[in-house]
Amino acid sequence: MRLFAALLAVVASTTVFAHGPSRLKANESITLKASPDAVWAKVKDFTQLQSWHPAVESSTATAGSEVGSVRTLKIKGGGEVIEKLEAISDADRSFTYTAQDGSALPVSKYKSTLTVKPADGGGSVVEWKGVFFRADASEHPAAGKDDEAATGTMKAVYTDGLKNLKALLDK
């Protein structure tokens, strides 16, 4: 009987310590003919994502492109995403931001960095990458809130934005 109780305690303790969903990531990049300075000039304004991302209808921000600024993005077709600027560097042509949970995206604890670098042979490379968890942290996530949906959505957000940026700047 003691052996059964001990075994039951071990099984119960491993269940208690089971971990939730894994951290996911998305990383997309594109090469543009435009110079890094020209690309950075277009993307660095935290209040103007709608000027180059086709899914964003409008944006407001509490403090422009200053660290700590919180922007609210209105998404075409409905929904909004609220993001906070965590870091920005003109020298590195890079900025990092986080999104609040419960956004229009099927992710939580989302952190993203966009960087513009010189490309070999001229032009620039824009890299957009992020780490996040799926929105539904349960053991059996709802359809559309699972790992595949989270990763697929973020890759599509990055790819759509980068393709449109290229169309705007590589005329």
C-alpha atoms as a PDB file:
ATOM      1  CA  MET A   1       0.000   0.000   0.000  1.00  0.00           C
ATOM      2  CA  ARG A   2       2.846   2.410   0.820  1.00  0.00           C
ATOM      3  CA  LEU A   3       4.456   1.655  -2.535  1.00  0.00           C
ATOM      4  CA  PHE A   4       1.185   2.484  -4.320  1.00  0.00           C
ATOM      5  CA  ALA A   5       0.853   5.770  -2.404  1.00  0.00           C
ATOM      6  CA  ALA A   6       4.468   6.710  -3.186  1.00  0.00           C
ATOM      7  CA  LEU A   7       3.995   5.866  -6.870  1.00  0.00           C
ATOM      8  CA  LEU A   8       0.784   7.914  -6.966  1.00  0.00           C
ATOM      9  CA  ALA A   9       2.608  10.881  -5.387  1.00  0.00           C
ATOM     10  CA  VAL A  10       5.375  10.701  -8.005  1.00  0.00           C
ATOM     11  CA  VAL A  11       2.870  10.558 -10.862  1.00  0.00           C
ATOM     12  CA  ALA A  12       0.869  13.456  -9.407  1.00  0.00           C
ATOM     13  CA  SER A  13       3.990  15.591  -8.942  1.00  0.00           C
ATOM     14  CA  THR A  14       5.122  15.104 -12.541  1.00  0.00           C
ATOM     15  CA  THR A  15       1.704  16.165 -13.767  1.00  0.00           C
ATOM     16  CA  VAL A  16       1.850  19.322 -11.673  1.00  0.00           C
ATOM     17  CA  PHE A  17       5.218  20.268 -13.165  1.00  0.00           C
ATOM     18  CA  ALA A  18       4.298  19.592 -16.796  1.00  0.00           C
ATOM     19  CA  HIS A  19       5.249  22.593 -18.893  1.00  0.00           C
ATOM     20  CA  GLY A  20       2.927  24.599 -21.081  1.00  0.00           C
ATOM     21  CA  PRO A  21       3.381  25.526 -24.722  1.00  0.00           C
ATOM     22  CA  SER A  22       6.830  26.017 -26.209  1.00  0.00           C
ATOM     23  CA  ARG A  23       8.178  29.377 -27.270  1.00  0.00           C
ATOM     24  CA  LEU A  24       7.794  29.804 -31.022  1.00  0.00           C
ATOM     25  CA  LYS A  25       9.615  32.014 -33.489  1.00  0.00           C
ATOM     26  CA  ALA A  26       9.283  33.499 -36.942  1.00  0.00           C
ATOM     27  CA  ASN A  27      12.077  35.048 -38.982  1.00  0.00           C
ATOM     28  CA  GLU A  28      11.654  36.566 -42.444  1.00  0.00           C
ATOM     29  CA  SER A  29      13.968  38.731 -44.508  1.00  0.00           C
ATOM     30  CA  ILE A  30      14.046  40.390 -47.905  1.00  0.00           C
ATOM     31  CA  THR A  31      16.682  42.091 -50.044  1.00  0.00           C
ATOM     32  CA  LEU A  32      15.877  45.506 -51.490  1.00  0.00           C
ATOM     33  CA  LYS A  33      17.642  47.647 -54.082  1.00  0.00           C
ATOM     34  CA  ALA A  34      17.098  50.704 -51.880  1.00  0.00           C
ATOM     35  CA  SER A  35      19.916  51.837 -49.606  1.00  0.00           C
ATOM     36  CA  PRO A  36      19.825  50.962 -45.911  1.00  0.00           C
ATOM     37  CA  ASP A  37      19.364  54.662 -45.087  1.00  0.00           C
ATOM     38  CA  ALA A  38      16.352  54.958 -47.421  1.00  0.00           C
ATOM     39  CA  VAL A  39      14.760  51.797 -46.012  1.00  0.00           C
ATOM     40  CA  TRP A  40      15.427  52.847 -42.410  1.00  0.00           C
ATOM     41  CA  ALA A  41      13.872  56.253 -43.103  1.00  0.00           C
ATOM     42  CA  LYS A  42      10.677  54.460 -44.221  1.00  0.00           C
ATOM     43  CA  VAL A  43      10.382  51.879 -41.412  1.00  0.00           C
ATOM     44  CA  LYS A  44      11.782  53.589 -38.311  1.00  0.00           C
ATOM     45  CA  ASP A  45       8.757  55.761 -37.507  1.00  0.00           C
ATOM     46  CA  PHE A  46       6.863  53.699 -34.900  1.00  0.00           C
ATOM     47  CA  THR A  47       3.684  55.652 -35.703  1.00  0.00           C
ATOM     48  CA  GLN A  48       3.652  54.922 -39.447  1.00  0.00           C
ATOM     49  CA  LEU A  49       3.430  51.151 -39.963  1.00  0.00           C
ATOM     50  CA  GLN A  50       0.317  51.783 -42.077  1.00  0.00           C
ATOM     51  CA  SER A  51       2.502  53.650 -44.582  1.00  0.00           C
ATOM     52  CA  TRP A  52       4.145  50.399 -45.653  1.00  0.00           C
ATOM     53  CA  HIS A  53       2.290  47.394 -44.193  1.00  0.00           C
ATOM     54  CA  PRO A  54      -0.795  46.483 -46.248  1.00  0.00           C
ATOM     55  CA  ALA A  55      -2.732  44.957 -43.315  1.00  0.00           C
ATOM     56  CA  VAL A  56      -2.607  48.085 -41.137  1.00  0.00           C
ATOM     57  CA  GLU A  57      -5.344  50.660 -41.604  1.00  0.00           C
ATOM     58  CA  SER A  58      -4.142  53.242 -39.079  1.00  0.00           C
ATOM     59  CA  SER A  59      -1.911  53.772 -36.082  1.00  0.00           C
ATOM     60  CA  THR A  60      -1.776  56.032 -33.059  1.00  0.00           C
ATOM     61  CA  ALA A  61       1.087  56.218 -30.564  1.00  0.00           C
ATOM     62  CA  THR A  62       1.493  57.760 -27.135  1.00  0.00           C
ATOM     63  CA  ALA A  63       5.049  59.086 -27.607  1.00  0.00           C
ATOM     64  CA  GLY A  64       5.983  58.821 -31.269  1.00  0.00           C
ATOM     65  CA  SER A  65       9.141  56.798 -31.801  1.00  0.00           C
ATOM     66  CA  GLU A  66      10.448  57.220 -28.254  1.00  0.00           C
ATOM     67  CA  VAL A  67      11.205  54.123 -26.160  1.00  0.00           C
ATOM     68  CA  GLY A  68       8.117  53.374 -24.082  1.00  0.00           C
ATOM     69  CA  SER A  69       5.685  54.650 -26.714  1.00  0.00           C
ATOM     70  CA  VAL A  70       2.564  52.507 -27.032  1.00  0.00           C
ATOM     71  CA  ARG A  71       0.951  52.249 -30.449  1.00  0.00           C
ATOM     72  CA  THR A  72      -2.485  50.982 -31.313  1.00  0.00           C
ATOM     73  CA  LEU A  73      -2.746  49.478 -34.783  1.00  0.00           C
ATOM     74  CA  LYS A  74      -6.161  49.225 -36.405  1.00  0.00           C
ATOM     75  CA  ILE A  75      -6.160  46.197 -38.685  1.00  0.00           C
ATOM     76  CA  LYS A  76      -7.975  46.292 -42.039  1.00  0.00           C
ATOM     77  CA  GLY A  77     -11.061  44.121 -41.761  1.00  0.00           C
ATOM     78  CA  GLY A  78     -11.292  44.568 -37.987  1.00  0.00           C
ATOM     79  CA  GLY A  79      -9.280  44.093 -34.836  1.00  0.00           C
ATOM     80  CA  GLU A  80      -6.407  45.922 -33.269  1.00  0.00           C
ATOM     81  CA  VAL A  81      -2.951  45.240 -31.945  1.00  0.00           C
ATOM     82  CA  ILE A  82      -1.337  47.210 -29.124  1.00  0.00           C
ATOM     83  CA  GLU A  83       2.461  47.319 -29.078  1.00  0.00           C
ATOM     84  CA  LYS A  84       5.133  48.993 -26.948  1.00  0.00           C
ATOM     85  CA  LEU A  85       8.453  50.239 -28.329  1.00  0.00           C
ATOM     86  CA  GLU A  86      11.183  48.658 -26.192  1.00  0.00           C
ATOM     87  CA  ALA A  87      14.339  49.822 -28.018  1.00  0.00           C
ATOM     88  CA  ILE A  88      15.320  51.792 -31.115  1.00  0.00           C
ATOM     89  CA  SER A  89      18.746  52.533 -32.586  1.00  0.00           C
ATOM     90  CA  ASP A  90      19.471  54.721 -35.599  1.00  0.00           C
ATOM     91  CA  ALA A  91      23.099  53.536 -35.504  1.00  0.00           C
ATOM     92  CA  ASP A  92      22.036  49.882 -35.767  1.00  0.00           C
ATOM     93  CA  ARG A  93      18.943  50.652 -37.876  1.00  0.00           C
ATOM     94  CA  SER A  94      16.917  48.460 -35.567  1.00  0.00           C
ATOM     95  CA  PHE A  95      13.921  48.574 -33.252  1.00  0.00           C
ATOM     96  CA  THR A  96      12.315  46.092 -30.871  1.00  0.00           C
ATOM     97  CA  TYR A  97       8.749  46.088 -29.627  1.00  0.00           C
ATOM     98  CA  THR A  98       6.393  43.892 -27.617  1.00  0.00           C
ATOM     99  CA  ALA A  99       2.692  43.256 -28.063  1.00  0.00           C
ATOM    100  CA  GLN A 100       0.118  43.003 -25.334  1.00  0.00           C
ATOM    101  CA  ASP A 101      -1.651  39.693 -24.896  1.00  0.00           C
ATOM    102  CA  GLY A 102      -5.192  39.449 -26.202  1.00  0.00           C
ATOM    103  CA  SER A 103      -4.463  41.193 -29.469  1.00  0.00           C
ATOM    104  CA  ALA A 104      -5.965  40.421 -32.880  1.00  0.00           C
ATOM    105  CA  LEU A 105      -3.051  38.018 -33.434  1.00  0.00           C
ATOM    106  CA  PRO A 106      -3.203  34.359 -32.296  1.00  0.00           C
ATOM    107  CA  VAL A 107      -0.101  34.850 -30.119  1.00  0.00           C
ATOM    108  CA  SER A 108       0.872  35.919 -26.614  1.00  0.00           C
ATOM    109  CA  LYS A 109       4.072  37.272 -25.048  1.00  0.00           C
ATOM    110  CA  TYR A 110       5.146  38.521 -28.466  1.00  0.00           C
ATOM    111  CA  LYS A 111       8.480  40.339 -28.948  1.00  0.00           C
ATOM    112  CA  SER A 112       9.709  41.427 -32.356  1.00  0.00           C
ATOM    113  CA  THR A 113      12.772  43.103 -33.863  1.00  0.00           C
ATOM    114  CA  LEU A 114      13.097  44.728 -37.269  1.00  0.00           C
ATOM    115  CA  THR A 115      16.621  45.412 -38.565  1.00  0.00           C
ATOM    116  CA  VAL A 116      17.926  47.019 -41.776  1.00  0.00           C
ATOM    117  CA  LYS A 117      21.456  46.076 -42.881  1.00  0.00           C
ATOM    118  CA  PRO A 118      23.567  46.702 -45.970  1.00  0.00           C
ATOM    119  CA  ALA A 119      23.317  43.878 -48.519  1.00  0.00           C
ATOM    120  CA  ASP A 120      26.351  42.361 -50.171  1.00  0.00           C
ATOM    121  CA  GLY A 121      26.801  44.145 -53.489  1.00  0.00           C
ATOM    122  CA  GLY A 122      24.568  47.106 -52.577  1.00  0.00           C
ATOM    123  CA  GLY A 123      21.025  47.651 -51.442  1.00  0.00           C
ATOM    124  CA  SER A 124      19.772  46.431 -48.111  1.00  0.00           C
ATOM    125  CA  VAL A 125      18.474  43.418 -46.254  1.00  0.00           C
ATOM    126  CA  VAL A 126      15.492  43.855 -43.953  1.00  0.00           C
ATOM    127  CA  GLU A 127      15.083  41.190 -41.285  1.00  0.00           C
ATOM    128  CA  TRP A 128      11.930  40.933 -39.190  1.00  0.00           C
ATOM    129  CA  LYS A 129      11.909  38.339 -36.468  1.00  0.00           C
ATOM    130  CA  GLY A 130       9.891  37.550 -33.413  1.00  0.00           C
ATOM    131  CA  VAL A 131       9.413  35.186 -30.512  1.00  0.00           C
ATOM    132  CA  PHE A 132       6.033  34.390 -29.011  1.00  0.00           C
ATOM    133  CA  PHE A 133       3.734  31.749 -27.566  1.00  0.00           C
ATOM    134  CA  ARG A 134       0.472  30.583 -29.070  1.00  0.00           C
ATOM    135  CA  ALA A 135      -2.598  32.429 -27.789  1.00  0.00           C
ATOM    136  CA  ASP A 136      -4.215  29.330 -26.285  1.00  0.00           C
ATOM    137  CA  ALA A 137      -1.817  27.983 -23.658  1.00  0.00           C
ATOM    138  CA  SER A 138      -3.986  24.966 -22.838  1.00  0.00           C
ATOM    139  CA  GLU A 139      -2.802  21.414 -23.472  1.00  0.00           C
ATOM    140  CA  HIS A 140      -5.243  21.094 -26.378  1.00  0.00           C
ATOM    141  CA  PRO A 141      -5.462  24.548 -28.000  1.00  0.00           C
ATOM    142  CA  ALA A 142      -8.512  25.619 -29.948  1.00  0.00           C
ATOM    143  CA  ALA A 143      -8.326  25.585 -33.732  1.00  0.00           C
ATOM    144  CA  GLY A 144      -6.691  28.775 -34.966  1.00  0.00           C
ATOM    145  CA  LYS A 145      -4.885  29.328 -31.661  1.00  0.00           C
ATOM    146  CA  ASP A 146      -2.392  26.468 -31.907  1.00  0.00           C
ATOM    147  CA  ASP A 147       1.344  26.505 -32.707  1.00  0.00           C
ATOM    148  CA  GLU A 148       0.771  26.210 -36.460  1.00  0.00           C
ATOM    149  CA  ALA A 149      -1.681  29.124 -36.549  1.00  0.00           C
ATOM    150  CA  ALA A 150       0.583  31.315 -34.402  1.00  0.00           C
ATOM    151  CA  THR A 151       3.701  30.671 -36.472  1.00  0.00           C
ATOM    152  CA  GLY A 152       1.882  30.842 -39.808  1.00  0.00           C
ATOM    153  CA  THR A 153       0.205  34.122 -38.935  1.00  0.00           C
ATOM    154  CA  MET A 154       3.408  35.801 -37.793  1.00  0.00           C
ATOM    155  CA  LYS A 155       5.324  34.615 -40.870  1.00  0.00           C
ATOM    156  CA  ALA A 156       2.511  36.004 -43.053  1.00  0.00           C
ATOM    157  CA  VAL A 157       2.545  39.350 -41.188  1.00  0.00           C
ATOM    158  CA  TYR A 158       6.282  39.660 -41.756  1.00  0.00           C
ATOM    159  CA  THR A 159       6.243  38.425 -45.364  1.00  0.00           C
ATOM    160  CA  ASP A 160       3.322  40.646 -46.411  1.00  0.00           C
ATOM    161  CA  GLY A 161       4.932  43.709 -44.858  1.00  0.00           C
ATOM    162  CA  LEU A 162       8.349  43.034 -46.358  1.00  0.00           C
ATOM    163  CA  LYS A 163       6.961  42.343 -49.850  1.00  0.00           C
ATOM    164  CA  ASN A 164       4.988  45.589 -49.757  1.00  0.00           C
ATOM    165  CA  LEU A 165       8.029  47.493 -48.485  1.00  0.00           C
ATOM    166  CA  LYS A 166       9.986  46.171 -51.472  1.00  0.00           C
ATOM    167  CA  ALA A 167       7.195  47.180 -53.872  1.00  0.00           C
ATOM    168  CA  LEU A 168       7.182  50.708 -52.423  1.00  0.00           C
ATOM    169  CA  LEU A 169      10.955  51.257 -52.370  1.00  0.00           C
ATOM    170  CA  ASP A 170      12.240  49.257 -55.351  1.00  0.00           C
ATOM    171  CA  LYS A 171      10.417  51.200 -58.071  1.00  0.00           C
END
